[in-house]
């Protein structure tokens, strides 16, 4: 079932409830528990996270090959650089 809920807004809302930091697996669980009847594919979640990161609202950090940490950016002056950018 295709969701009518703006996924980016749902992600930001869940992150705010969890003090701004969570793992991607926990985000998926939170989305399923909060909006159980809606289905979000991994591709949709990744696209939403990329959009939020380019807007400067979140930072996604790779921890392991299959685990990422998602953090809200509270300081608008903070700049996060990739590994090859420093």
C-alpha atoms as a PDB file:
ATOM      1  CA  UNK A   1       0.000   0.000   0.000  1.00  0.00           C
ATOM      2  CA  UNK A   2       1.424   3.373  -1.004  1.00  0.00           C
ATOM      3  CA  UNK A   3       1.461   5.810   1.886  1.00  0.00           C
ATOM      4  CA  UNK A   4      -0.152   9.234   1.771  1.00  0.00           C
ATOM      5  CA  UNK A   5       1.845  10.412   4.785  1.00  0.00           C
ATOM      6  CA  UNK A   6       4.850  12.631   4.048  1.00  0.00           C
ATOM      7  CA  UNK A   7       7.608  10.230   5.029  1.00  0.00           C
ATOM      8  CA  UNK A   8      10.153  12.968   5.684  1.00  0.00           C
ATOM      9  CA  UNK A   9       7.831  14.591   8.222  1.00  0.00           C
ATOM     10  CA  UNK A  10       7.235  11.243   9.906  1.00  0.00           C
ATOM     11  CA  UNK A  11      10.981  10.608  10.206  1.00  0.00           C
ATOM     12  CA  UNK A  12      11.636  14.042  11.712  1.00  0.00           C
ATOM     13  CA  UNK A  13       8.736  13.578  14.137  1.00  0.00           C
ATOM     14  CA  UNK A  14      10.026  10.189  15.309  1.00  0.00           C
ATOM     15  CA  UNK A  15      13.569  11.542  15.696  1.00  0.00           C
ATOM     16  CA  UNK A  16      12.294  14.394  17.857  1.00  0.00           C
ATOM     17  CA  UNK A  17      10.455  11.924  20.076  1.00  0.00           C
ATOM     18  CA  UNK A  18      13.690   9.919  20.491  1.00  0.00           C
ATOM     19  CA  UNK A  19      15.871  12.922  21.454  1.00  0.00           C
ATOM     20  CA  UNK A  20      17.224  13.322  17.936  1.00  0.00           C
ATOM     21  CA  UNK A  21      19.372  10.175  17.615  1.00  0.00           C
ATOM     22  CA  UNK A  22      18.536   6.618  16.585  1.00  0.00           C
ATOM     23  CA  UNK A  23      19.728   3.718  14.466  1.00  0.00           C
ATOM     24  CA  UNK A  24      18.143   3.042  11.091  1.00  0.00           C
ATOM     25  CA  UNK A  25      16.779  -0.318  12.283  1.00  0.00           C
ATOM     26  CA  UNK A  26      15.106   1.403  15.227  1.00  0.00           C
ATOM     27  CA  UNK A  27      13.659   4.000  12.854  1.00  0.00           C
ATOM     28  CA  UNK A  28      12.099   1.253  10.751  1.00  0.00           C
ATOM     29  CA  UNK A  29      10.590  -0.343  13.877  1.00  0.00           C
ATOM     30  CA  UNK A  30       9.258   3.028  15.048  1.00  0.00           C
ATOM     31  CA  UNK A  31       7.693   3.721  11.646  1.00  0.00           C
ATOM     32  CA  UNK A  32       6.023   0.304  11.634  1.00  0.00           C
ATOM     33  CA  UNK A  33       4.709   0.679  15.188  1.00  0.00           C
ATOM     34  CA  UNK A  34       3.446   4.232  14.675  1.00  0.00           C
ATOM     35  CA  UNK A  35       2.042   3.825  11.146  1.00  0.00           C
ATOM     36  CA  UNK A  36       1.489   0.063  11.086  1.00  0.00           C
ATOM     37  CA  UNK A  37      -1.025  -0.072   8.245  1.00  0.00           C
ATOM     38  CA  UNK A  38       1.259   1.929   5.928  1.00  0.00           C
ATOM     39  CA  UNK A  39       4.184   0.304   4.164  1.00  0.00           C
ATOM     40  CA  UNK A  40       7.476   2.121   3.651  1.00  0.00           C
ATOM     41  CA  UNK A  41      10.041   0.392   1.478  1.00  0.00           C
ATOM     42  CA  UNK A  42      13.758   0.609   2.203  1.00  0.00           C
ATOM     43  CA  UNK A  43      14.157   2.650  -0.977  1.00  0.00           C
ATOM     44  CA  UNK A  44      11.538   5.173   0.122  1.00  0.00           C
ATOM     45  CA  UNK A  45      13.185   5.532   3.536  1.00  0.00           C
ATOM     46  CA  UNK A  46      16.630   5.983   1.943  1.00  0.00           C
ATOM     47  CA  UNK A  47      15.318   8.643  -0.444  1.00  0.00           C
ATOM     48  CA  UNK A  48      13.663  10.476   2.442  1.00  0.00           C
ATOM     49  CA  UNK A  49      16.875  10.341   4.497  1.00  0.00           C
ATOM     50  CA  UNK A  50      18.918  11.666   1.566  1.00  0.00           C
ATOM     51  CA  UNK A  51      16.446  14.514   1.071  1.00  0.00           C
ATOM     52  CA  UNK A  52      16.526  15.372   4.784  1.00  0.00           C
ATOM     53  CA  UNK A  53      20.319  15.275   4.801  1.00  0.00           C
ATOM     54  CA  UNK A  54      20.626  17.563   1.777  1.00  0.00           C
ATOM     55  CA  UNK A  55      18.186  19.975   3.442  1.00  0.00           C
ATOM     56  CA  UNK A  56      20.452  20.058   6.480  1.00  0.00           C
ATOM     57  CA  UNK A  57      17.870  18.598   8.859  1.00  0.00           C
ATOM     58  CA  UNK A  58      19.567  15.283   9.665  1.00  0.00           C
ATOM     59  CA  UNK A  59      22.996  13.676   9.447  1.00  0.00           C
ATOM     60  CA  UNK A  60      23.289   9.989   8.558  1.00  0.00           C
ATOM     61  CA  UNK A  61      26.477   8.293   9.747  1.00  0.00           C
ATOM     62  CA  UNK A  62      27.502   4.795   8.689  1.00  0.00           C
ATOM     63  CA  UNK A  63      28.479   2.657  11.671  1.00  0.00           C
ATOM     64  CA  UNK A  64      28.835  -0.748  10.012  1.00  0.00           C
ATOM     65  CA  UNK A  65      27.971  -2.079   6.586  1.00  0.00           C
ATOM     66  CA  UNK A  66      24.299  -2.549   7.518  1.00  0.00           C
ATOM     67  CA  UNK A  67      23.870  -0.084  10.372  1.00  0.00           C
ATOM     68  CA  UNK A  68      23.532   3.702  10.288  1.00  0.00           C
ATOM     69  CA  UNK A  69      23.041   6.345  12.977  1.00  0.00           C
ATOM     70  CA  UNK A  70      20.547   9.108  12.167  1.00  0.00           C
ATOM     71  CA  UNK A  71      20.846  12.387  14.061  1.00  0.00           C
ATOM     72  CA  UNK A  72      18.929  15.623  13.835  1.00  0.00           C
ATOM     73  CA  UNK A  73      21.088  18.673  13.269  1.00  0.00           C
ATOM     74  CA  UNK A  74      20.333  21.116  16.054  1.00  0.00           C
ATOM     75  CA  UNK A  75      23.075  23.639  15.350  1.00  0.00           C
ATOM     76  CA  UNK A  76      22.451  25.223  11.965  1.00  0.00           C
ATOM     77  CA  UNK A  77      26.121  26.266  11.752  1.00  0.00           C
ATOM     78  CA  UNK A  78      27.379  22.680  12.127  1.00  0.00           C
ATOM     79  CA  UNK A  79      28.871  21.226   8.981  1.00  0.00           C
ATOM     80  CA  UNK A  80      29.390  17.483   8.664  1.00  0.00           C
ATOM     81  CA  UNK A  81      32.020  16.379   6.181  1.00  0.00           C
ATOM     82  CA  UNK A  82      32.421  12.977   4.637  1.00  0.00           C
ATOM     83  CA  UNK A  83      35.560  10.921   5.194  1.00  0.00           C
ATOM     84  CA  UNK A  84      37.166  12.027   1.945  1.00  0.00           C
ATOM     85  CA  UNK A  85      36.246  15.707   2.370  1.00  0.00           C
ATOM     86  CA  UNK A  86      38.443  16.592   5.370  1.00  0.00           C
END
